[in-house]
Amino acid sequence: KYYVTGNGEIANPTKNFVKTFNEQGDIIKREYIPDYPNQVIIQKISYY
């Protein structure tokens, strides 16, 4: 679970997001948690 402020908010669409990893240590899911209701997020959930 990630939380970023400052310049980290420029690189990511939200302050909070979650990444899931497989046994090899590679990302298999990324989900951005909206900062406020009805926030438009282009890539809300991604899979790998």
ModelCIF file with pLDDT and N, C-alpha, C, O atoms, coordinates in Angstrom:
data_MODEL
#
_entry.id   MODEL 
#
_entity.id                         1 
_entity.type                       polymer 
_entity.pdbx_number_of_molecules   1 
#
_entity_poly.entity_id                      1 
_entity_poly.type                           'polypeptide(L)' 
_entity_poly.nstd_linkage                   no 
_entity_poly.nstd_monomer                   no 
_entity_poly.pdbx_seq_one_letter_code       KYYVTGNGEIANPTKNFVKTFNEQGDIIKREYIPDYPNQVIIQKISYY 
_entity_poly.pdbx_seq_one_letter_code_can   KYYVTGNGEIANPTKNFVKTFNEQGDIIKREYIPDYPNQVIIQKISYY 
_entity_poly.pdbx_strand_id                 A 
#
loop_
_entity_poly_seq.entity_id 
_entity_poly_seq.num 
_entity_poly_seq.mon_id 
_entity_poly_seq.hetero 
1 1  LYS n 
1 2  TYR n 
1 3  TYR n 
1 4  VAL n 
1 5  THR n 
1 6  GLY n 
1 7  ASN n 
1 8  GLY n 
1 9  GLU n 
1 10 ILE n 
1 11 ALA n 
1 12 ASN n 
1 13 PRO n 
1 14 THR n 
1 15 LYS n 
1 16 ASN n 
1 17 PHE n 
1 18 VAL n 
1 19 LYS n 
1 20 THR n 
1 21 PHE n 
1 22 ASN n 
1 23 GLU n 
1 24 GLN n 
1 25 GLY n 
1 26 ASP n 
1 27 ILE n 
1 28 ILE n 
1 29 LYS n 
1 30 ARG n 
1 31 GLU n 
1 32 TYR n 
1 33 ILE n 
1 34 PRO n 
1 35 ASP n 
1 36 TYR n 
1 37 PRO n 
1 38 ASN n 
1 39 GLN n 
1 40 VAL n 
1 41 ILE n 
1 42 ILE n 
1 43 GLN n 
1 44 LYS n 
1 45 ILE n 
1 46 SER n 
1 47 TYR n 
1 48 TYR n 
#
_struct_asym.id          A 
_struct_asym.entity_id   1 
#
loop_
_ma_qa_metric.id 
_ma_qa_metric.mode 
_ma_qa_metric.name 
_ma_qa_metric.software_group_id 
_ma_qa_metric.type 
1 global pLDDT . pLDDT 
2 local  pLDDT . pLDDT 
#
_ma_qa_metric_global.metric_id      1 
_ma_qa_metric_global.metric_value   95.44 
_ma_qa_metric_global.model_id       1 
_ma_qa_metric_global.ordinal_id     1 
#
loop_
_ma_qa_metric_local.label_asym_id 
_ma_qa_metric_local.label_comp_id 
_ma_qa_metric_local.label_seq_id 
_ma_qa_metric_local.metric_id 
_ma_qa_metric_local.metric_value 
_ma_qa_metric_local.model_id 
_ma_qa_metric_local.ordinal_id 
A LYS 1  2 98.00 1 1  
A TYR 2  2 98.00 1 2  
A TYR 3  2 98.00 1 3  
A VAL 4  2 97.00 1 4  
A THR 5  2 96.00 1 5  
A GLY 6  2 92.00 1 6  
A ASN 7  2 89.00 1 7  
A GLY 8  2 88.00 1 8  
A GLU 9  2 87.00 1 9  
A ILE 10 2 87.00 1 10 
A ALA 11 2 87.00 1 11 
A ASN 12 2 93.00 1 12 
A PRO 13 2 94.00 1 13 
A THR 14 2 96.00 1 14 
A LYS 15 2 96.00 1 15 
A ASN 16 2 97.00 1 16 
A PHE 17 2 98.00 1 17 
A VAL 18 2 98.00 1 18 
A LYS 19 2 98.00 1 19 
A THR 20 2 98.00 1 20 
A PHE 21 2 98.00 1 21 
A ASN 22 2 98.00 1 22 
A GLU 23 2 98.00 1 23 
A GLN 24 2 98.00 1 24 
A GLY 25 2 98.00 1 25 
A ASP 26 2 98.00 1 26 
A ILE 27 2 98.00 1 27 
A ILE 28 2 98.00 1 28 
A LYS 29 2 98.00 1 29 
A ARG 30 2 98.00 1 30 
A GLU 31 2 98.00 1 31 
A TYR 32 2 97.00 1 32 
A ILE 33 2 97.00 1 33 
A PRO 34 2 96.00 1 34 
A ASP 35 2 95.00 1 35 
A TYR 36 2 95.00 1 36 
A PRO 37 2 95.00 1 37 
A ASN 38 2 93.00 1 38 
A GLN 39 2 94.00 1 39 
A VAL 40 2 93.00 1 40 
A ILE 41 2 93.00 1 41 
A ILE 42 2 92.00 1 42 
A GLN 43 2 93.00 1 43 
A LYS 44 2 95.00 1 44 
A ILE 45 2 97.00 1 45 
A SER 46 2 97.00 1 46 
A TYR 47 2 98.00 1 47 
A TYR 48 2 98.00 1 48 
#
loop_
_atom_site.group_PDB 
_atom_site.id 
_atom_site.type_symbol 
_atom_site.label_atom_id 
_atom_site.label_alt_id 
_atom_site.label_comp_id 
_atom_site.label_asym_id 
_atom_site.label_entity_id 
_atom_site.label_seq_id 
_atom_site.pdbx_PDB_ins_code 
_atom_site.Cartn_x 
_atom_site.Cartn_y 
_atom_site.Cartn_z 
_atom_site.occupancy 
_atom_site.B_iso_or_equiv 
_atom_site.pdbx_formal_charge 
_atom_site.auth_seq_id 
_atom_site.auth_comp_id 
_atom_site.auth_asym_id 
_atom_site.auth_atom_id 
_atom_site.pdbx_PDB_model_num 
ATOM 1   N N  . LYS A 1 1  ? 0.857   -1.181  0.000   1.00 98.00 ? 1  LYS A N  1 
ATOM 2   C CA . LYS A 1 1  ? 0.000   0.000   0.000   1.00 98.00 ? 1  LYS A CA 1 
ATOM 3   C C  . LYS A 1 1  ? 0.896   1.236   0.000   1.00 98.00 ? 1  LYS A C  1 
ATOM 4   O O  . LYS A 1 1  ? 1.783   1.372   0.843   1.00 98.00 ? 1  LYS A O  1 
ATOM 5   N N  . TYR A 1 2  ? 0.656   2.126   -0.947  1.00 98.00 ? 2  TYR A N  1 
ATOM 6   C CA . TYR A 1 2  ? 1.490   3.316   -1.125  1.00 98.00 ? 2  TYR A CA 1 
ATOM 7   C C  . TYR A 1 2  ? 0.699   4.567   -0.757  1.00 98.00 ? 2  TYR A C  1 
ATOM 8   O O  . TYR A 1 2  ? -0.495  4.681   -1.036  1.00 98.00 ? 2  TYR A O  1 
ATOM 9   N N  . TYR A 1 3  ? 1.401   5.497   -0.123  1.00 98.00 ? 3  TYR A N  1 
ATOM 10  C CA . TYR A 1 3  ? 0.854   6.820   0.139   1.00 98.00 ? 3  TYR A CA 1 
ATOM 11  C C  . TYR A 1 3  ? 1.934   7.838   -0.209  1.00 98.00 ? 3  TYR A C  1 
ATOM 12  O O  . TYR A 1 3  ? 3.046   7.765   0.313   1.00 98.00 ? 3  TYR A O  1 
ATOM 13  N N  . VAL A 1 4  ? 1.612   8.787   -1.087  1.00 97.00 ? 4  VAL A N  1 
ATOM 14  C CA . VAL A 1 4  ? 2.596   9.793   -1.499  1.00 97.00 ? 4  VAL A CA 1 
ATOM 15  C C  . VAL A 1 4  ? 1.956   11.180  -1.486  1.00 97.00 ? 4  VAL A C  1 
ATOM 16  O O  . VAL A 1 4  ? 0.761   11.343  -1.733  1.00 97.00 ? 4  VAL A O  1 
ATOM 17  N N  . THR A 1 5  ? 2.789   12.163  -1.192  1.00 96.00 ? 5  THR A N  1 
ATOM 18  C CA . THR A 1 5  ? 2.365   13.557  -1.295  1.00 96.00 ? 5  THR A CA 1 
ATOM 19  C C  . THR A 1 5  ? 3.413   14.303  -2.112  1.00 96.00 ? 5  THR A C  1 
ATOM 20  O O  . THR A 1 5  ? 4.387   13.706  -2.572  1.00 96.00 ? 5  THR A O  1 
ATOM 21  N N  . GLY A 1 6  ? 3.218   15.588  -2.288  1.00 92.00 ? 6  GLY A N  1 
ATOM 22  C CA . GLY A 1 6  ? 4.219   16.389  -2.999  1.00 92.00 ? 6  GLY A CA 1 
ATOM 23  C C  . GLY A 1 6  ? 4.367   15.962  -4.449  1.00 92.00 ? 6  GLY A C  1 
ATOM 24  O O  . GLY A 1 6  ? 3.373   15.730  -5.136  1.00 92.00 ? 6  GLY A O  1 
ATOM 25  N N  . ASN A 1 7  ? 5.605   15.857  -4.916  1.00 89.00 ? 7  ASN A N  1 
ATOM 26  C CA . ASN A 1 7  ? 5.862   15.486  -6.309  1.00 89.00 ? 7  ASN A CA 1 
ATOM 27  C C  . ASN A 1 7  ? 5.354   14.094  -6.651  1.00 89.00 ? 7  ASN A C  1 
ATOM 28  O O  . ASN A 1 7  ? 5.101   13.793  -7.817  1.00 89.00 ? 7  ASN A O  1 
ATOM 29  N N  . GLY A 1 8  ? 5.203   13.245  -5.643  1.00 88.00 ? 8  GLY A N  1 
ATOM 30  C CA . GLY A 1 8  ? 4.656   11.916  -5.890  1.00 88.00 ? 8  GLY A CA 1 
ATOM 31  C C  . GLY A 1 8  ? 3.240   11.947  -6.421  1.00 88.00 ? 8  GLY A C  1 
ATOM 32  O O  . GLY A 1 8  ? 2.789   11.001  -7.066  1.00 88.00 ? 8  GLY A O  1 
ATOM 33  N N  . GLU A 1 9  ? 2.534   13.042  -6.149  1.00 87.00 ? 9  GLU A N  1 
ATOM 34  C CA . GLU A 1 9  ? 1.173   13.195  -6.667  1.00 87.00 ? 9  GLU A CA 1 
ATOM 35  C C  . GLU A 1 9  ? 1.173   13.580  -8.143  1.00 87.00 ? 9  GLU A C  1 
ATOM 36  O O  . GLU A 1 9  ? 0.163   13.428  -8.830  1.00 87.00 ? 9  GLU A O  1 
ATOM 37  N N  . ILE A 1 10 ? 2.296   14.073  -8.620  1.00 87.00 ? 10 ILE A N  1 
ATOM 38  C CA . ILE A 1 10 ? 2.408   14.390  -10.054 1.00 87.00 ? 10 ILE A CA 1 
ATOM 39  C C  . ILE A 1 10 ? 2.603   13.114  -10.856 1.00 87.00 ? 10 ILE A C  1 
ATOM 40  O O  . ILE A 1 10 ? 2.040   12.953  -11.939 1.00 87.00 ? 10 ILE A O  1 
ATOM 41  N N  . ALA A 1 11 ? 3.408   12.211  -10.312 1.00 87.00 ? 11 ALA A N  1 
ATOM 42  C CA . ALA A 1 11 ? 3.705   10.957  -11.008 1.00 87.00 ? 11 ALA A CA 1 
ATOM 43  C C  . ALA A 1 11 ? 2.562   9.960   -10.924 1.00 87.00 ? 11 ALA A C  1 
ATOM 44  O O  . ALA A 1 11 ? 2.495   9.024   -11.721 1.00 87.00 ? 11 ALA A O  1 
ATOM 45  N N  . ASN A 1 12 ? 1.661   10.151  -9.962  1.00 93.00 ? 12 ASN A N  1 
ATOM 46  C CA . ASN A 1 12 ? 0.537   9.238   -9.783  1.00 93.00 ? 12 ASN A CA 1 
ATOM 47  C C  . ASN A 1 12 ? -0.764  10.043  -9.717  1.00 93.00 ? 12 ASN A C  1 
ATOM 48  O O  . ASN A 1 12 ? -0.768  11.171  -9.224  1.00 93.00 ? 12 ASN A O  1 
ATOM 49  N N  . PRO A 1 13 ? -1.857  9.476   -10.206 1.00 94.00 ? 13 PRO A N  1 
ATOM 50  C CA . PRO A 1 13 ? -3.122  10.233  -10.222 1.00 94.00 ? 13 PRO A CA 1 
ATOM 51  C C  . PRO A 1 13 ? -3.766  10.381  -8.853  1.00 94.00 ? 13 PRO A C  1 
ATOM 52  O O  . PRO A 1 13 ? -4.633  11.235  -8.674  1.00 94.00 ? 13 PRO A O  1 
ATOM 53  N N  . THR A 1 14 ? -3.355  9.556   -7.872  1.00 96.00 ? 14 THR A N  1 
ATOM 54  C CA . THR A 1 14 ? -3.920  9.643   -6.529  1.00 96.00 ? 14 THR A CA 1 
ATOM 55  C C  . THR A 1 14 ? -2.820  9.501   -5.482  1.00 96.00 ? 14 THR A C  1 
ATOM 56  O O  . THR A 1 14 ? -1.719  9.035   -5.776  1.00 96.00 ? 14 THR A O  1 
ATOM 57  N N  . LYS A 1 15 ? -3.137  9.910   -4.260  1.00 96.00 ? 15 LYS A N  1 
ATOM 58  C CA . LYS A 1 15 ? -2.166  9.797   -3.170  1.00 96.00 ? 15 LYS A CA 1 
ATOM 59  C C  . LYS A 1 15 ? -2.018  8.362   -2.681  1.00 96.00 ? 15 LYS A C  1 
ATOM 60  O O  . LYS A 1 15 ? -0.948  7.964   -2.220  1.00 96.00 ? 15 LYS A O  1 
ATOM 61  N N  . ASN A 1 16 ? -3.092  7.589   -2.784  1.00 97.00 ? 16 ASN A N  1 
ATOM 62  C CA . ASN A 1 16 ? -3.099  6.216   -2.288  1.00 97.00 ? 16 ASN A CA 1 
ATOM 63  C C  . ASN A 1 16 ? -3.292  5.234   -3.439  1.00 97.00 ? 16 ASN A C  1 
ATOM 64  O O  . ASN A 1 16 ? -4.161  5.422   -4.291  1.00 97.00 ? 16 ASN A O  1 
ATOM 65  N N  . PHE A 1 17 ? -2.482  4.196   -3.454  1.00 98.00 ? 17 PHE A N  1 
ATOM 66  C CA . PHE A 1 17 ? -2.662  3.134   -4.438  1.00 98.00 ? 17 PHE A CA 1 
ATOM 67  C C  . PHE A 1 17 ? -2.067  1.843   -3.892  1.00 98.00 ? 17 PHE A C  1 
ATOM 68  O O  . PHE A 1 17 ? -1.266  1.857   -2.958  1.00 98.00 ? 17 PHE A O  1 
ATOM 69  N N  . VAL A 1 18 ? -2.474  0.730   -4.491  1.00 98.00 ? 18 VAL A N  1 
ATOM 70  C CA . VAL A 1 18 ? -2.087  -0.600  -4.017  1.00 98.00 ? 18 VAL A CA 1 
ATOM 71  C C  . VAL A 1 18 ? -1.540  -1.401  -5.187  1.00 98.00 ? 18 VAL A C  1 
ATOM 72  O O  . VAL A 1 18 ? -2.096  -1.380  -6.285  1.00 98.00 ? 18 VAL A O  1 
ATOM 73  N N  . LYS A 1 19 ? -0.430  -2.116  -4.935  1.00 98.00 ? 19 LYS A N  1 
ATOM 74  C CA . LYS A 1 19 ? 0.113   -3.024  -5.938  1.00 98.00 ? 19 LYS A CA 1 
ATOM 75  C C  . LYS A 1 19 ? 0.150   -4.439  -5.366  1.00 98.00 ? 19 LYS A C  1 
ATOM 76  O O  . LYS A 1 19 ? 0.473   -4.649  -4.197  1.00 98.00 ? 19 LYS A O  1 
ATOM 77  N N  . THR A 1 20 ? -0.186  -5.390  -6.214  1.00 98.00 ? 20 THR A N  1 
ATOM 78  C CA . THR A 1 20 ? -0.140  -6.804  -5.844  1.00 98.00 ? 20 THR A CA 1 
ATOM 79  C C  . THR A 1 20 ? 0.957   -7.478  -6.652  1.00 98.00 ? 20 THR A C  1 
ATOM 80  O O  . THR A 1 20 ? 1.132   -7.183  -7.834  1.00 98.00 ? 20 THR A O  1 
ATOM 81  N N  . PHE A 1 21 ? 1.698   -8.385  -6.015  1.00 98.00 ? 21 PHE A N  1 
ATOM 82  C CA . PHE A 1 21 ? 2.844   -9.031  -6.650  1.00 98.00 ? 21 PHE A CA 1 
ATOM 83  C C  . PHE A 1 21 ? 2.706   -10.545 -6.601  1.00 98.00 ? 21 PHE A C  1 
ATOM 84  O O  . PHE A 1 21 ? 2.052   -11.094 -5.714  1.00 98.00 ? 21 PHE A O  1 
ATOM 85  N N  . ASN A 1 22 ? 3.330   -11.212 -7.564  1.00 98.00 ? 22 ASN A N  1 
ATOM 86  C CA . ASN A 1 22 ? 3.315   -12.673 -7.576  1.00 98.00 ? 22 ASN A CA 1 
ATOM 87  C C  . ASN A 1 22 ? 4.535   -13.221 -6.830  1.00 98.00 ? 22 ASN A C  1 
ATOM 88  O O  . ASN A 1 22 ? 5.325   -12.458 -6.274  1.00 98.00 ? 22 ASN A O  1 
ATOM 89  N N  . GLU A 1 23 ? 4.677   -14.527 -6.822  1.00 98.00 ? 23 GLU A N  1 
ATOM 90  C CA . GLU A 1 23 ? 5.756   -15.172 -6.073  1.00 98.00 ? 23 GLU A CA 1 
ATOM 91  C C  . GLU A 1 23 ? 7.136   -14.797 -6.619  1.00 98.00 ? 23 GLU A C  1 
ATOM 92  O O  . GLU A 1 23 ? 8.121   -14.827 -5.881  1.00 98.00 ? 23 GLU A O  1 
ATOM 93  N N  . GLN A 1 24 ? 7.214   -14.451 -7.890  1.00 98.00 ? 24 GLN A N  1 
ATOM 94  C CA . GLN A 1 24 ? 8.483   -14.036 -8.483  1.00 98.00 ? 24 GLN A CA 1 
ATOM 95  C C  . GLN A 1 24 ? 8.841   -12.579 -8.147  1.00 98.00 ? 24 GLN A C  1 
ATOM 96  O O  . GLN A 1 24 ? 9.932   -12.115 -8.477  1.00 98.00 ? 24 GLN A O  1 
ATOM 97  N N  . GLY A 1 25 ? 7.926   -11.869 -7.495  1.00 98.00 ? 25 GLY A N  1 
ATOM 98  C CA . GLY A 1 25 ? 8.178   -10.482 -7.130  1.00 98.00 ? 25 GLY A CA 1 
ATOM 99  C C  . GLY A 1 25 ? 7.763   -9.484  -8.193  1.00 98.00 ? 25 GLY A C  1 
ATOM 100 O O  . GLY A 1 25 ? 8.115   -8.308  -8.107  1.00 98.00 ? 25 GLY A O  1 
ATOM 101 N N  . ASP A 1 26 ? 7.024   -9.931  -9.189  1.00 98.00 ? 26 ASP A N  1 
ATOM 102 C CA . ASP A 1 26 ? 6.603   -9.040  -10.274 1.00 98.00 ? 26 ASP A CA 1 
ATOM 103 C C  . ASP A 1 26 ? 5.166   -8.571  -10.059 1.00 98.00 ? 26 ASP A C  1 
ATOM 104 O O  . ASP A 1 26 ? 4.322   -9.322  -9.570  1.00 98.00 ? 26 ASP A O  1 
ATOM 105 N N  . ILE A 1 27 ? 4.906   -7.330  -10.428 1.00 98.00 ? 27 ILE A N  1 
ATOM 106 C CA . ILE A 1 27 ? 3.587   -6.747  -10.240 1.00 98.00 ? 27 ILE A CA 1 
ATOM 107 C C  . ILE A 1 27 ? 2.553   -7.461  -11.106 1.00 98.00 ? 27 ILE A C  1 
ATOM 108 O O  . ILE A 1 27 ? 2.800   -7.718  -12.284 1.00 98.00 ? 27 ILE A O  1 
ATOM 109 N N  . ILE A 1 28 ? 1.384   -7.786  -10.519 1.00 98.00 ? 28 ILE A N  1 
ATOM 110 C CA . ILE A 1 28 ? 0.307   -8.415  -11.283 1.00 98.00 ? 28 ILE A CA 1 
ATOM 111 C C  . ILE A 1 28 ? -0.968  -7.570  -11.265 1.00 98.00 ? 28 ILE A C  1 
ATOM 112 O O  . ILE A 1 28 ? -1.880  -7.803  -12.059 1.00 98.00 ? 28 ILE A O  1 
ATOM 113 N N  . LYS A 1 29 ? -1.033  -6.578  -10.351 1.00 98.00 ? 29 LYS A N  1 
ATOM 114 C CA . LYS A 1 29 ? -2.201  -5.702  -10.305 1.00 98.00 ? 29 LYS A CA 1 
ATOM 115 C C  . LYS A 1 29 ? -1.805  -4.368  -9.686  1.00 98.00 ? 29 LYS A C  1 
ATOM 116 O O  . LYS A 1 29 ? -1.003  -4.319  -8.753  1.00 98.00 ? 29 LYS A O  1 
ATOM 117 N N  . ARG A 1 30 ? -2.368  -3.301  -10.208 1.00 98.00 ? 30 ARG A N  1 
ATOM 118 C CA . ARG A 1 30 ? -2.176  -1.964  -9.652  1.00 98.00 ? 30 ARG A CA 1 
ATOM 119 C C  . ARG A 1 30 ? -3.532  -1.279  -9.585  1.00 98.00 ? 30 ARG A C  1 
ATOM 120 O O  . ARG A 1 30 ? -4.269  -1.249  -10.570 1.00 98.00 ? 30 ARG A O  1 
ATOM 121 N N  . GLU A 1 31 ? -3.856  -0.731  -8.424  1.00 98.00 ? 31 GLU A N  1 
ATOM 122 C CA . GLU A 1 31 ? -5.147  -0.062  -8.264  1.00 98.00 ? 31 GLU A CA 1 
ATOM 123 C C  . GLU A 1 31 ? -4.963  1.281   -7.580  1.00 98.00 ? 31 GLU A C  1 
ATOM 124 O O  . GLU A 1 31 ? -4.374  1.362   -6.502  1.00 98.00 ? 31 GLU A O  1 
ATOM 125 N N  . TYR A 1 32 ? -5.469  2.336   -8.210  1.00 97.00 ? 32 TYR A N  1 
ATOM 126 C CA . TYR A 1 32 ? -5.433  3.669   -7.628  1.00 97.00 ? 32 TYR A CA 1 
ATOM 127 C C  . TYR A 1 32 ? -6.721  3.917   -6.835  1.00 97.00 ? 32 TYR A C  1 
ATOM 128 O O  . TYR A 1 32 ? -7.824  3.660   -7.318  1.00 97.00 ? 32 TYR A O  1 
ATOM 129 N N  . ILE A 1 33 ? -6.554  4.421   -5.606  1.00 97.00 ? 33 ILE A N  1 
ATOM 130 C CA . ILE A 1 33 ? -7.687  4.693   -4.729  1.00 97.00 ? 33 ILE A CA 1 
ATOM 131 C C  . ILE A 1 33 ? -8.062  6.165   -4.878  1.00 97.00 ? 33 ILE A C  1 
ATOM 132 O O  . ILE A 1 33 ? -7.217  7.025   -4.628  1.00 97.00 ? 33 ILE A O  1 
ATOM 133 N N  . PRO A 1 34 ? -9.286  6.490   -5.274  1.00 96.00 ? 34 PRO A N  1 
ATOM 134 C CA . PRO A 1 34 ? -9.658  7.896   -5.511  1.00 96.00 ? 34 PRO A CA 1 
ATOM 135 C C  . PRO A 1 34 ? -9.423  8.783   -4.292  1.00 96.00 ? 34 PRO A C  1 
ATOM 136 O O  . PRO A 1 34 ? -9.650  8.371   -3.155  1.00 96.00 ? 34 PRO A O  1 
ATOM 137 N N  . ASP A 1 35 ? -8.971  9.989   -4.545  1.00 95.00 ? 35 ASP A N  1 
ATOM 138 C CA . ASP A 1 35 ? -8.768  10.979  -3.479  1.00 95.00 ? 35 ASP A CA 1 
ATOM 139 C C  . ASP A 1 35 ? -10.094 11.610  -3.044  1.00 95.00 ? 35 ASP A C  1 
ATOM 140 O O  . ASP A 1 35 ? -10.214 12.121  -1.931  1.00 95.00 ? 35 ASP A O  1 
ATOM 141 N N  . TYR A 1 36 ? -11.079 11.565  -3.934  1.00 95.00 ? 36 TYR A N  1 
ATOM 142 C CA . TYR A 1 36 ? -12.382 12.169  -3.631  1.00 95.00 ? 36 TYR A CA 1 
ATOM 143 C C  . TYR A 1 36 ? -13.434 11.483  -4.504  1.00 95.00 ? 36 TYR A C  1 
ATOM 144 O O  . TYR A 1 36 ? -13.087 10.892  -5.527  1.00 95.00 ? 36 TYR A O  1 
ATOM 145 N N  . PRO A 1 37 ? -14.709 11.549  -4.122  1.00 95.00 ? 37 PRO A N  1 
ATOM 146 C CA . PRO A 1 37 ? -15.769 10.881  -4.890  1.00 95.00 ? 37 PRO A CA 1 
ATOM 147 C C  . PRO A 1 37 ? -15.817 11.364  -6.340  1.00 95.00 ? 37 PRO A C  1 
ATOM 148 O O  . PRO A 1 37 ? -15.633 12.547  -6.626  1.00 95.00 ? 37 PRO A O  1 
ATOM 149 N N  . ASN A 1 38 ? -16.064 10.432  -7.231  1.00 93.00 ? 38 ASN A N  1 
ATOM 150 C CA . ASN A 1 38 ? -16.229 10.707  -8.664  1.00 93.00 ? 38 ASN A CA 1 
ATOM 151 C C  . ASN A 1 38 ? -14.953 11.221  -9.338  1.00 93.00 ? 38 ASN A C  1 
ATOM 152 O O  . ASN A 1 38 ? -15.022 11.822  -10.410 1.00 93.00 ? 38 ASN A O  1 
ATOM 153 N N  . GLN A 1 39 ? -13.805 10.994  -8.727  1.00 94.00 ? 39 GLN A N  1 
ATOM 154 C CA . GLN A 1 39 ? -12.553 11.374  -9.372  1.00 94.00 ? 39 GLN A CA 1 
ATOM 155 C C  . GLN A 1 39 ? -12.356 10.544  -10.641 1.00 94.00 ? 39 GLN A C  1 
ATOM 156 O O  . GLN A 1 39 ? -12.511 9.323   -10.614 1.00 94.00 ? 39 GLN A O  1 
ATOM 157 N N  . VAL A 1 40 ? -12.021 11.193  -11.737 1.00 93.00 ? 40 VAL A N  1 
ATOM 158 C CA . VAL A 1 40 ? -11.774 10.503  -13.006 1.00 93.00 ? 40 VAL A CA 1 
ATOM 159 C C  . VAL A 1 40 ? -10.329 10.016  -13.025 1.00 93.00 ? 40 VAL A C  1 
ATOM 160 O O  . VAL A 1 40 ? -9.397  10.815  -12.938 1.00 93.00 ? 40 VAL A O  1 
ATOM 161 N N  . ILE A 1 41 ? -10.149 8.698   -13.139 1.00 93.00 ? 41 ILE A N  1 
ATOM 162 C CA . ILE A 1 41 ? -8.811  8.090   -13.184 1.00 93.00 ? 41 ILE A CA 1 
ATOM 163 C C  . ILE A 1 41 ? -8.718  7.272   -14.461 1.00 93.00 ? 41 ILE A C  1 
ATOM 164 O O  . ILE A 1 41 ? -9.488  6.329   -14.649 1.00 93.00 ? 41 ILE A O  1 
ATOM 165 N N  . ILE A 1 42 ? -7.796  7.615   -15.334 1.00 92.00 ? 42 ILE A N  1 
ATOM 166 C CA . ILE A 1 42 ? -7.695  6.945   -16.636 1.00 92.00 ? 42 ILE A CA 1 
ATOM 167 C C  . ILE A 1 42 ? -7.388  5.461   -16.461 1.00 92.00 ? 42 ILE A C  1 
ATOM 168 O O  . ILE A 1 42 ? -8.010  4.611   -17.099 1.00 92.00 ? 42 ILE A O  1 
ATOM 169 N N  . GLN A 1 43 ? -6.418  5.157   -15.586 1.00 93.00 ? 43 GLN A N  1 
ATOM 170 C CA . GLN A 1 43 ? -6.048  3.765   -15.352 1.00 93.00 ? 43 GLN A CA 1 
ATOM 171 C C  . GLN A 1 43 ? -6.331  3.415   -13.891 1.00 93.00 ? 43 GLN A C  1 
ATOM 172 O O  . GLN A 1 43 ? -5.405  3.347   -13.083 1.00 93.00 ? 43 GLN A O  1 
ATOM 173 N N  . LYS A 1 44 ? -7.573  3.199   -13.554 1.00 95.00 ? 44 LYS A N  1 
ATOM 174 C CA . LYS A 1 44 ? -7.899  2.928   -12.152 1.00 95.00 ? 44 LYS A CA 1 
ATOM 175 C C  . LYS A 1 44 ? -7.355  1.580   -11.711 1.00 95.00 ? 44 LYS A C  1 
ATOM 176 O O  . LYS A 1 44 ? -6.752  1.466   -10.644 1.00 95.00 ? 44 LYS A O  1 
ATOM 177 N N  . ILE A 1 45 ? -7.570  0.554   -12.537 1.00 97.00 ? 45 ILE A N  1 
ATOM 178 C CA . ILE A 1 45 ? -7.075  -0.783  -12.212 1.00 97.00 ? 45 ILE A CA 1 
ATOM 179 C C  . ILE A 1 45 ? -6.331  -1.335  -13.432 1.00 97.00 ? 45 ILE A C  1 
ATOM 180 O O  . ILE A 1 45 ? -6.840  -1.295  -14.552 1.00 97.00 ? 45 ILE A O  1 
ATOM 181 N N  . SER A 1 46 ? -5.134  -1.843  -13.202 1.00 97.00 ? 46 SER A N  1 
ATOM 182 C CA . SER A 1 46 ? -4.318  -2.425  -14.272 1.00 97.00 ? 46 SER A CA 1 
ATOM 183 C C  . SER A 1 46 ? -3.888  -3.829  -13.866 1.00 97.00 ? 46 SER A C  1 
ATOM 184 O O  . SER A 1 46 ? -3.745  -4.135  -12.682 1.00 97.00 ? 46 SER A O  1 
ATOM 185 N N  . TYR A 1 47 ? -3.683  -4.682  -14.880 1.00 98.00 ? 47 TYR A N  1 
ATOM 186 C CA . TYR A 1 47 ? -3.264  -6.061  -14.643 1.00 98.00 ? 47 TYR A CA 1 
ATOM 187 C C  . TYR A 1 47 ? -2.049  -6.386  -15.510 1.00 98.00 ? 47 TYR A C  1 
ATOM 188 O O  . TYR A 1 47 ? -1.816  -5.771  -16.550 1.00 98.00 ? 47 TYR A O  1 
ATOM 189 N N  . TYR A 1 48 ? -1.274  -7.389  -15.038 1.00 98.00 ? 48 TYR A N  1 
ATOM 190 C CA . TYR A 1 48 ? -0.055  -7.786  -15.747 1.00 98.00 ? 48 TYR A CA 1 
ATOM 191 C C  . TYR A 1 48 ? 0.070   -9.309  -15.712 1.00 98.00 ? 48 TYR A C  1 
ATOM 192 O O  . TYR A 1 48 ? 1.028   -9.862  -16.251 1.00 98.00 ? 48 TYR A O  1 
#
